[in-house]
Amino acid sequence: TDTYADSVKGRFTISRDNARNAVILQMNSLKPEDTATYYCN
């Protein structure tokens, strides 16, 4: 079950690799306003 900020809906996809306890963020159609430091939580 996933949730997205409105600003990234349709462009970003979050997924899990439960075997590794990993989370992936695929970011497409990136915009200059996406510039930031990204933190996993």
All heavy atoms as atom14 arrays in JSON, in Angstrom:
{
  "sequence": "TDTYADSVKGRFTISRDNARNAVILQMNSLKPEDTATYYCN",
  "atom14_mask": [
    [1, 1, 1, 1, 1, 1, 1, 0, 0, 0, 0, 0, 0, 0],
    [1, 1, 1, 1, 1, 1, 1, 1, 0, 0, 0, 0, 0, 0],
    [1, 1, 1, 1, 1, 1, 1, 0, 0, 0, 0, 0, 0, 0],
    [1, 1, 1, 1, 1, 1, 1, 1, 1, 1, 1, 1, 0, 0],
    [1, 1, 1, 1, 1, 0, 0, 0, 0, 0, 0, 0, 0, 0],
    [1, 1, 1, 1, 1, 1, 1, 1, 0, 0, 0, 0, 0, 0],
    [1, 1, 1, 1, 1, 1, 0, 0, 0, 0, 0, 0, 0, 0],
    [1, 1, 1, 1, 1, 1, 1, 0, 0, 0, 0, 0, 0, 0],
    [1, 1, 1, 1, 1, 1, 1, 1, 1, 0, 0, 0, 0, 0],
    [1, 1, 1, 1, 0, 0, 0, 0, 0, 0, 0, 0, 0, 0],
    [1, 1, 1, 1, 1, 1, 1, 1, 1, 1, 1, 0, 0, 0],
    [1, 1, 1, 1, 1, 1, 1, 1, 1, 1, 1, 0, 0, 0],
    [1, 1, 1, 1, 1, 1, 1, 0, 0, 0, 0, 0, 0, 0],
    [1, 1, 1, 1, 1, 1, 1, 1, 0, 0, 0, 0, 0, 0],
    [1, 1, 1, 1, 1, 1, 0, 0, 0, 0, 0, 0, 0, 0],
    [1, 1, 1, 1, 1, 1, 1, 1, 1, 1, 1, 0, 0, 0],
    [1, 1, 1, 1, 1, 1, 1, 1, 0, 0, 0, 0, 0, 0],
    [1, 1, 1, 1, 1, 1, 1, 1, 0, 0, 0, 0, 0, 0],
    [1, 1, 1, 1, 1, 0, 0, 0, 0, 0, 0, 0, 0, 0],
    [1, 1, 1, 1, 1, 1, 1, 1, 1, 1, 1, 0, 0, 0],
    [1, 1, 1, 1, 1, 1, 1, 1, 0, 0, 0, 0, 0, 0],
    [1, 1, 1, 1, 1, 0, 0, 0, 0, 0, 0, 0, 0, 0],
    [1, 1, 1, 1, 1, 1, 1, 0, 0, 0, 0, 0, 0, 0],
    [1, 1, 1, 1, 1, 1, 1, 1, 0, 0, 0, 0, 0, 0],
    [1, 1, 1, 1, 1, 1, 1, 1, 0, 0, 0, 0, 0, 0],
    [1, 1, 1, 1, 1, 1, 1, 1, 1, 0, 0, 0, 0, 0],
    [1, 1, 1, 1, 1, 1, 1, 1, 0, 0, 0, 0, 0, 0],
    [1, 1, 1, 1, 1, 1, 1, 1, 0, 0, 0, 0, 0, 0],
    [1, 1, 1, 1, 1, 1, 0, 0, 0, 0, 0, 0, 0, 0],
    [1, 1, 1, 1, 1, 1, 1, 1, 0, 0, 0, 0, 0, 0],
    [1, 1, 1, 1, 1, 1, 1, 1, 1, 0, 0, 0, 0, 0],
    [1, 1, 1, 1, 1, 1, 1, 0, 0, 0, 0, 0, 0, 0],
    [1, 1, 1, 1, 1, 1, 1, 1, 1, 0, 0, 0, 0, 0],
    [1, 1, 1, 1, 1, 1, 1, 1, 0, 0, 0, 0, 0, 0],
    [1, 1, 1, 1, 1, 1, 1, 0, 0, 0, 0, 0, 0, 0],
    [1, 1, 1, 1, 1, 0, 0, 0, 0, 0, 0, 0, 0, 0],
    [1, 1, 1, 1, 1, 1, 1, 0, 0, 0, 0, 0, 0, 0],
    [1, 1, 1, 1, 1, 1, 1, 1, 1, 1, 1, 1, 0, 0],
    [1, 1, 1, 1, 1, 1, 1, 1, 1, 1, 1, 1, 0, 0],
    [1, 1, 1, 1, 1, 1, 0, 0, 0, 0, 0, 0, 0, 0],
    [1, 1, 1, 1, 1, 1, 1, 1, 0, 0, 0, 0, 0, 0]
  ],
  "atom14_positions": [
    [[0.85, -1.19, 0.0], [0.0, 0.0, 0.0], [0.88, 1.24, 0.0], [1.76, 1.38, 0.86], [-0.9, 0.01, 1.24], [-1.71, -1.17, 1.23], [-1.8, 1.24, 1.22], [0.0, 0.0, 0.0], [0.0, 0.0, 0.0], [0.0, 0.0, 0.0], [0.0, 0.0, 0.0], [0.0, 0.0, 0.0], [0.0, 0.0, 0.0], [0.0, 0.0, 0.0]],
    [[0.66, 2.13, -0.97], [1.55, 3.28, -1.11], [0.78, 4.6, -1.1], [-0.42, 4.65, -1.35], [2.39, 3.17, -2.39], [1.57, 2.95, -3.65], [0.37, 3.26, -3.64], [2.14, 2.44, -4.63], [0.0, 0.0, 0.0], [0.0, 0.0, 0.0], [0.0, 0.0, 0.0], [0.0, 0.0, 0.0], [0.0, 0.0, 0.0], [0.0, 0.0, 0.0]],
    [[1.51, 5.67, -0.79], [0.98, 7.03, -0.74], [2.02, 7.94, -1.37], [3.21, 7.75, -1.15], [0.73, 7.47, 0.71], [-0.15, 6.54, 1.34], [0.11, 8.86, 0.76], [0.0, 0.0, 0.0], [0.0, 0.0, 0.0], [0.0, 0.0, 0.0], [0.0, 0.0, 0.0], [0.0, 0.0, 0.0], [0.0, 0.0, 0.0], [0.0, 0.0, 0.0]],
    [[1.53, 8.95, -2.13], [2.44, 9.89, -2.79], [2.04, 11.33, -2.5], [0.85, 11.64, -2.36], [2.41, 9.69, -4.31], [2.92, 8.36, -4.78], [2.06, 7.27, -4.94], [4.28, 8.17, -5.06], [2.54, 6.05, -5.35], [4.75, 6.94, -5.48], [3.88, 5.89, -5.63], [4.35, 4.66, -6.05], [0.0, 0.0, 0.0], [0.0, 0.0, 0.0]],
    [[3.02, 12.19, -2.47], [2.75, 13.62, -2.46], [2.13, 13.99, -3.81], [2.48, 13.41, -4.85], [4.04, 14.41, -2.25], [0.0, 0.0, 0.0], [0.0, 0.0, 0.0], [0.0, 0.0, 0.0], [0.0, 0.0, 0.0], [0.0, 0.0, 0.0], [0.0, 0.0, 0.0], [0.0, 0.0, 0.0], [0.0, 0.0, 0.0], [0.0, 0.0, 0.0]],
    [[1.22, 14.95, -3.8], [0.56, 15.35, -5.05], [1.56, 15.79, -6.1], [1.36, 15.56, -7.3], [-0.44, 16.49, -4.77], [-1.66, 16.03, -4.02], [-1.92, 14.81, -3.98], [-2.37, 16.89, -3.46], [0.0, 0.0, 0.0], [0.0, 0.0, 0.0], [0.0, 0.0, 0.0], [0.0, 0.0, 0.0], [0.0, 0.0, 0.0], [0.0, 0.0, 0.0]],
    [[2.65, 16.4, -5.67], [3.63, 16.95, -6.61], [4.39, 15.88, -7.39], [5.01, 16.2, -8.42], [4.63, 17.84, -5.86], [5.31, 17.09, -4.87], [0.0, 0.0, 0.0], [0.0, 0.0, 0.0], [0.0, 0.0, 0.0], [0.0, 0.0, 0.0], [0.0, 0.0, 0.0], [0.0, 0.0, 0.0], [0.0, 0.0, 0.0], [0.0, 0.0, 0.0]],
    [[4.35, 14.63, -6.94], [5.11, 13.58, -7.62], [4.23, 12.49, -8.2], [4.72, 11.58, -8.88], [6.17, 12.96, -6.68], [7.06, 14.03, -6.08], [5.52, 12.1, -5.61], [0.0, 0.0, 0.0], [0.0, 0.0, 0.0], [0.0, 0.0, 0.0], [0.0, 0.0, 0.0], [0.0, 0.0, 0.0], [0.0, 0.0, 0.0], [0.0, 0.0, 0.0]],
    [[2.92, 12.55, -7.97], [2.02, 11.53, -8.48], [2.13, 11.43, -10.0], [2.15, 12.43, -10.7], [0.58, 11.86, -8.08], [0.24, 11.52, -6.64], [-1.22, 11.84, -6.33], [-1.55, 11.53, -4.88], [-2.93, 11.91, -4.53], [0.0, 0.0, 0.0], [0.0, 0.0, 0.0], [0.0, 0.0, 0.0], [0.0, 0.0, 0.0], [0.0, 0.0, 0.0]],
    [[2.19, 10.2, -10.48], [2.3, 9.97, -11.92], [3.71, 10.02, -12.45], [3.96, 9.65, -13.6], [0.0, 0.0, 0.0], [0.0, 0.0, 0.0], [0.0, 0.0, 0.0], [0.0, 0.0, 0.0], [0.0, 0.0, 0.0], [0.0, 0.0, 0.0], [0.0, 0.0, 0.0], [0.0, 0.0, 0.0], [0.0, 0.0, 0.0], [0.0, 0.0, 0.0]],
    [[4.66, 10.5, -11.64], [6.05, 10.6, -12.08], [6.97, 9.68, -11.27], [7.95, 9.15, -11.79], [6.55, 12.03, -11.96], [5.77, 13.03, -12.78], [6.42, 14.42, -12.76], [6.48, 14.99, -11.42], [7.61, 15.35, -10.81], [8.78, 15.18, -11.41], [7.57, 15.9, -9.6], [0.0, 0.0, 0.0], [0.0, 0.0, 0.0], [0.0, 0.0, 0.0]],
    [[6.69, 9.53, -9.98], [7.52, 8.72, -9.09], [6.79, 7.44, -8.74], [5.56, 7.42, -8.6], [7.83, 9.47, -7.8], [8.74, 10.66, -7.93], [9.09, 11.18, -9.16], [9.25, 11.27, -6.8], [9.93, 12.28, -9.28], [10.08, 12.37, -6.88], [10.41, 12.88, -8.13], [0.0, 0.0, 0.0], [0.0, 0.0, 0.0], [0.0, 0.0, 0.0]],
    [[7.56, 6.36, -8.56], [7.0, 5.09, -8.12], [7.84, 4.53, -6.99], [9.07, 4.41, -7.12], [6.96, 4.07, -9.27], [6.19, 4.61, -10.36], [6.32, 2.77, -8.81], [0.0, 0.0, 0.0], [0.0, 0.0, 0.0], [0.0, 0.0, 0.0], [0.0, 0.0, 0.0], [0.0, 0.0, 0.0], [0.0, 0.0, 0.0], [0.0, 0.0, 0.0]],
    [[7.19, 4.2, -5.88], [7.88, 3.6, -4.74], [7.58, 2.11, -4.73], [6.46, 1.68, -5.05], [7.45, 4.28, -3.42], [8.36, 3.85, -2.27], [5.98, 4.03, -3.1], [8.16, 4.65, -0.99], [0.0, 0.0, 0.0], [0.0, 0.0, 0.0], [0.0, 0.0, 0.0], [0.0, 0.0, 0.0], [0.0, 0.0, 0.0], [0.0, 0.0, 0.0]],
    [[8.58, 1.32, -4.4], [8.41, -0.13, -4.35], [9.27, -0.72, -3.23], [10.17, -0.05, -2.71], [8.75, -0.77, -5.69], [10.09, -0.52, -6.05], [0.0, 0.0, 0.0], [0.0, 0.0, 0.0], [0.0, 0.0, 0.0], [0.0, 0.0, 0.0], [0.0, 0.0, 0.0], [0.0, 0.0, 0.0], [0.0, 0.0, 0.0], [0.0, 0.0, 0.0]],
    [[8.98, -1.95, -2.89], [9.7, -2.63, -1.8], [10.36, -3.9, -2.31], [9.85, -4.58, -3.21], [8.72, -3.0, -0.67], [8.17, -1.88, 0.12], [9.22, -1.27, 1.04], [9.79, -2.23, 1.96], [9.29, -2.47, 3.17], [8.2, -1.83, 3.6], [9.87, -3.34, 3.98], [0.0, 0.0, 0.0], [0.0, 0.0, 0.0], [0.0, 0.0, 0.0]],
    [[11.5, -4.2, -1.7], [12.13, -5.52, -1.81], [12.11, -6.06, -0.38], [13.03, -5.81, 0.39], [13.54, -5.39, -2.36], [14.24, -6.75, -2.47], [13.74, -7.73, -1.89], [15.28, -6.81, -3.14], [0.0, 0.0, 0.0], [0.0, 0.0, 0.0], [0.0, 0.0, 0.0], [0.0, 0.0, 0.0], [0.0, 0.0, 0.0], [0.0, 0.0, 0.0]],
    [[11.05, -6.76, -0.03], [10.86, -7.17, 1.36], [11.96, -8.13, 1.83], [12.3, -8.15, 3.01], [9.48, -7.81, 1.54], [8.36, -6.78, 1.46], [8.53, -5.63, 1.83], [7.22, -7.2, 0.95], [0.0, 0.0, 0.0], [0.0, 0.0, 0.0], [0.0, 0.0, 0.0], [0.0, 0.0, 0.0], [0.0, 0.0, 0.0], [0.0, 0.0, 0.0]],
    [[12.53, -8.9, 0.92], [13.57, -9.84, 1.31], [14.81, -9.12, 1.86], [15.52, -9.64, 2.71], [13.95, -10.71, 0.12], [0.0, 0.0, 0.0], [0.0, 0.0, 0.0], [0.0, 0.0, 0.0], [0.0, 0.0, 0.0], [0.0, 0.0, 0.0], [0.0, 0.0, 0.0], [0.0, 0.0, 0.0], [0.0, 0.0, 0.0], [0.0, 0.0, 0.0]],
    [[15.05, -7.9, 1.34], [16.22, -7.11, 1.79], [15.81, -5.95, 2.69], [16.67, -5.15, 3.07], [16.98, -6.56, 0.58], [17.57, -7.6, -0.33], [18.54, -6.96, -1.31], [17.92, -5.95, -2.14], [18.3, -4.67, -2.17], [19.26, -4.23, -1.4], [17.69, -3.81, -2.98], [0.0, 0.0, 0.0], [0.0, 0.0, 0.0], [0.0, 0.0, 0.0]],
    [[14.52, -5.86, 3.01], [14.04, -4.69, 3.76], [14.41, -3.4, 3.04], [14.72, -2.39, 3.67], [14.61, -4.65, 5.19], [13.78, -5.45, 6.17], [12.56, -5.49, 6.07], [14.45, -6.09, 7.11], [0.0, 0.0, 0.0], [0.0, 0.0, 0.0], [0.0, 0.0, 0.0], [0.0, 0.0, 0.0], [0.0, 0.0, 0.0], [0.0, 0.0, 0.0]],
    [[14.38, -3.45, 1.71], [14.79, -2.3, 0.91], [13.58, -1.57, 0.34], [12.51, -2.16, 0.15], [15.7, -2.75, -0.22], [0.0, 0.0, 0.0], [0.0, 0.0, 0.0], [0.0, 0.0, 0.0], [0.0, 0.0, 0.0], [0.0, 0.0, 0.0], [0.0, 0.0, 0.0], [0.0, 0.0, 0.0], [0.0, 0.0, 0.0], [0.0, 0.0, 0.0]],
    [[13.78, -0.29, 0.07], [12.75, 0.51, -0.58], [13.4, 1.25, -1.74], [14.53, 1.73, -1.63], [12.08, 1.49, 0.41], [13.07, 2.47, 1.01], [10.91, 2.22, -0.25], [0.0, 0.0, 0.0], [0.0, 0.0, 0.0], [0.0, 0.0, 0.0], [0.0, 0.0, 0.0], [0.0, 0.0, 0.0], [0.0, 0.0, 0.0], [0.0, 0.0, 0.0]],
    [[12.71, 1.29, -2.87], [13.22, 1.91, -4.09], [12.29, 3.03, -4.51], [11.07, 2.9, -4.4], [13.33, 0.86, -5.22], [14.35, -0.2, -4.83], [13.74, 1.51, -6.52], [13.76, -1.45, -4.24], [0.0, 0.0, 0.0], [0.0, 0.0, 0.0], [0.0, 0.0, 0.0], [0.0, 0.0, 0.0], [0.0, 0.0, 0.0], [0.0, 0.0, 0.0]],
    [[12.87, 4.12, -4.98], [12.08, 5.22, -5.52], [12.54, 5.46, -6.96], [13.66, 5.91, -7.19], [12.27, 6.49, -4.68], [11.37, 7.67, -5.08], [9.9, 7.35, -4.77], [11.8, 8.94, -4.36], [0.0, 0.0, 0.0], [0.0, 0.0, 0.0], [0.0, 0.0, 0.0], [0.0, 0.0, 0.0], [0.0, 0.0, 0.0], [0.0, 0.0, 0.0]],
    [[11.67, 5.13, -7.9], [11.93, 5.39, -9.31], [11.35, 6.76, -9.64], [10.14, 6.97, -9.48], [11.3, 4.31, -10.19], [11.48, 4.54, -11.68], [12.92, 4.44, -12.11], [13.65, 3.55, -11.68], [13.35, 5.36, -12.97], [0.0, 0.0, 0.0], [0.0, 0.0, 0.0], [0.0, 0.0, 0.0], [0.0, 0.0, 0.0], [0.0, 0.0, 0.0]],
    [[12.2, 7.66, -10.08], [11.79, 9.03, -10.36], [11.93, 9.31, -11.84], [13.05, 9.26, -12.38], [12.64, 10.02, -9.55], [12.64, 9.73, -8.05], [13.52, 10.98, -7.08], [15.19, 10.7, -7.66], [0.0, 0.0, 0.0], [0.0, 0.0, 0.0], [0.0, 0.0, 0.0], [0.0, 0.0, 0.0], [0.0, 0.0, 0.0], [0.0, 0.0, 0.0]],
    [[10.83, 9.56, -12.51], [10.81, 9.86, -13.93], [10.31, 11.28, -14.16], [9.72, 11.89, -13.27], [9.9, 8.87, -14.66], [10.37, 7.44, -14.55], [11.57, 7.16, -14.47], [9.43, 6.51, -14.53], [0.0, 0.0, 0.0], [0.0, 0.0, 0.0], [0.0, 0.0, 0.0], [0.0, 0.0, 0.0], [0.0, 0.0, 0.0], [0.0, 0.0, 0.0]],
    [[10.54, 11.78, -15.36], [10.09, 13.12, -15.73], [10.48, 14.15, -14.67], [9.66, 14.97, -14.24], [8.57, 13.14, -15.93], [8.17, 12.21, -16.93], [0.0, 0.0, 0.0], [0.0, 0.0, 0.0], [0.0, 0.0, 0.0], [0.0, 0.0, 0.0], [0.0, 0.0, 0.0], [0.0, 0.0, 0.0], [0.0, 0.0, 0.0], [0.0, 0.0, 0.0]],
    [[11.72, 14.11, -14.26], [12.19, 14.97, -13.18], [12.15, 16.44, -13.59], [12.36, 16.8, -14.76], [13.61, 14.58, -12.78], [13.67, 13.33, -11.88], [15.05, 12.7, -11.9], [13.26, 13.68, -10.46], [0.0, 0.0, 0.0], [0.0, 0.0, 0.0], [0.0, 0.0, 0.0], [0.0, 0.0, 0.0], [0.0, 0.0, 0.0], [0.0, 0.0, 0.0]],
    [[11.85, 17.26, -12.6], [11.74, 18.71, -12.8], [12.76, 19.41, -11.9], [13.17, 18.86, -10.86], [10.34, 19.18, -12.41], [9.21, 18.5, -13.15], [7.86, 18.96, -12.62], [6.71, 18.27, -13.34], [5.39, 18.73, -12.83], [0.0, 0.0, 0.0], [0.0, 0.0, 0.0], [0.0, 0.0, 0.0], [0.0, 0.0, 0.0], [0.0, 0.0, 0.0]],
    [[13.16, 20.63, -12.25], [14.1, 21.36, -11.38], [13.6, 21.49, -9.94], [14.41, 21.47, -9.0], [14.21, 22.72, -12.06], [13.97, 22.42, -13.51], [12.93, 21.34, -13.52], [0.0, 0.0, 0.0], [0.0, 0.0, 0.0], [0.0, 0.0, 0.0], [0.0, 0.0, 0.0], [0.0, 0.0, 0.0], [0.0, 0.0, 0.0], [0.0, 0.0, 0.0]],
    [[12.29, 21.57, -9.76], [11.75, 21.7, -8.4], [11.85, 20.41, -7.6], [11.54, 20.4, -6.4], [10.29, 22.2, -8.43], [9.38, 21.43, -9.36], [9.23, 22.1, -10.72], [10.25, 22.56, -11.3], [8.08, 22.13, -11.21], [0.0, 0.0, 0.0], [0.0, 0.0, 0.0], [0.0, 0.0, 0.0], [0.0, 0.0, 0.0], [0.0, 0.0, 0.0]],
    [[12.28, 19.32, -8.22], [12.54, 18.08, -7.48], [13.92, 18.09, -6.83], [14.26, 17.17, -6.08], [12.44, 16.87, -8.42], [11.03, 16.65, -8.95], [10.07, 16.79, -8.17], [10.91, 16.35, -10.16], [0.0, 0.0, 0.0], [0.0, 0.0, 0.0], [0.0, 0.0, 0.0], [0.0, 0.0, 0.0], [0.0, 0.0, 0.0], [0.0, 0.0, 0.0]],
    [[14.71, 19.1, -7.13], [16.05, 19.2, -6.55], [15.97, 19.3, -5.04], [15.27, 20.17, -4.49], [16.78, 20.44, -7.12], [16.99, 20.25, -8.52], [18.12, 20.64, -6.42], [0.0, 0.0, 0.0], [0.0, 0.0, 0.0], [0.0, 0.0, 0.0], [0.0, 0.0, 0.0], [0.0, 0.0, 0.0], [0.0, 0.0, 0.0], [0.0, 0.0, 0.0]],
    [[16.64, 18.39, -4.34], [16.61, 18.33, -2.89], [17.52, 17.22, -2.41], [18.03, 16.42, -3.22], [15.18, 18.05, -2.4], [0.0, 0.0, 0.0], [0.0, 0.0, 0.0], [0.0, 0.0, 0.0], [0.0, 0.0, 0.0], [0.0, 0.0, 0.0], [0.0, 0.0, 0.0], [0.0, 0.0, 0.0], [0.0, 0.0, 0.0], [0.0, 0.0, 0.0]],
    [[17.71, 17.16, -1.11], [18.33, 15.99, -0.5], [17.21, 15.03, -0.13], [16.24, 15.43, 0.54], [19.13, 16.37, 0.75], [20.13, 17.32, 0.39], [19.8, 15.14, 1.35], [0.0, 0.0, 0.0], [0.0, 0.0, 0.0], [0.0, 0.0, 0.0], [0.0, 0.0, 0.0], [0.0, 0.0, 0.0], [0.0, 0.0, 0.0], [0.0, 0.0, 0.0]],
    [[17.33, 13.8, -0.57], [16.3, 12.79, -0.35], [16.73, 11.87, 0.79], [17.87, 11.37, 0.8], [16.05, 11.99, -1.63], [15.24, 12.77, -2.64], [15.78, 13.88, -3.28], [13.93, 12.4, -2.94], [15.03, 14.62, -4.19], [13.18, 13.13, -3.86], [13.73, 14.23, -4.47], [12.98, 14.96, -5.38], [0.0, 0.0, 0.0], [0.0, 0.0, 0.0]],
    [[15.81, 11.63, 1.72], [16.09, 10.82, 2.91], [15.14, 9.63, 2.96], [13.93, 9.76, 2.77], [15.88, 11.65, 4.18], [16.81, 12.81, 4.32], [16.46, 14.07, 3.83], [18.05, 12.68, 4.95], [17.3, 15.16, 3.97], [18.9, 13.77, 5.1], [18.51, 15.0, 4.59], [19.36, 16.07, 4.73], [0.0, 0.0, 0.0], [0.0, 0.0, 0.0]],
    [[15.71, 8.49, 3.29], [14.93, 7.28, 3.52], [14.52, 7.24, 4.99], [15.27, 7.68, 5.87], [15.79, 6.08, 3.17], [15.01, 4.5, 3.4], [0.0, 0.0, 0.0], [0.0, 0.0, 0.0], [0.0, 0.0, 0.0], [0.0, 0.0, 0.0], [0.0, 0.0, 0.0], [0.0, 0.0, 0.0], [0.0, 0.0, 0.0], [0.0, 0.0, 0.0]],
    [[13.36, 6.68, 5.26], [12.81, 6.69, 6.63], [12.09, 5.39, 6.93], [11.41, 4.83, 6.06], [11.85, 7.88, 6.76], [10.98, 7.82, 7.99], [9.8, 7.46, 7.93], [11.55, 8.18, 9.13], [0.0, 0.0, 0.0], [0.0, 0.0, 0.0], [0.0, 0.0, 0.0], [0.0, 0.0, 0.0], [0.0, 0.0, 0.0], [0.0, 0.0, 0.0]]
  ]
}
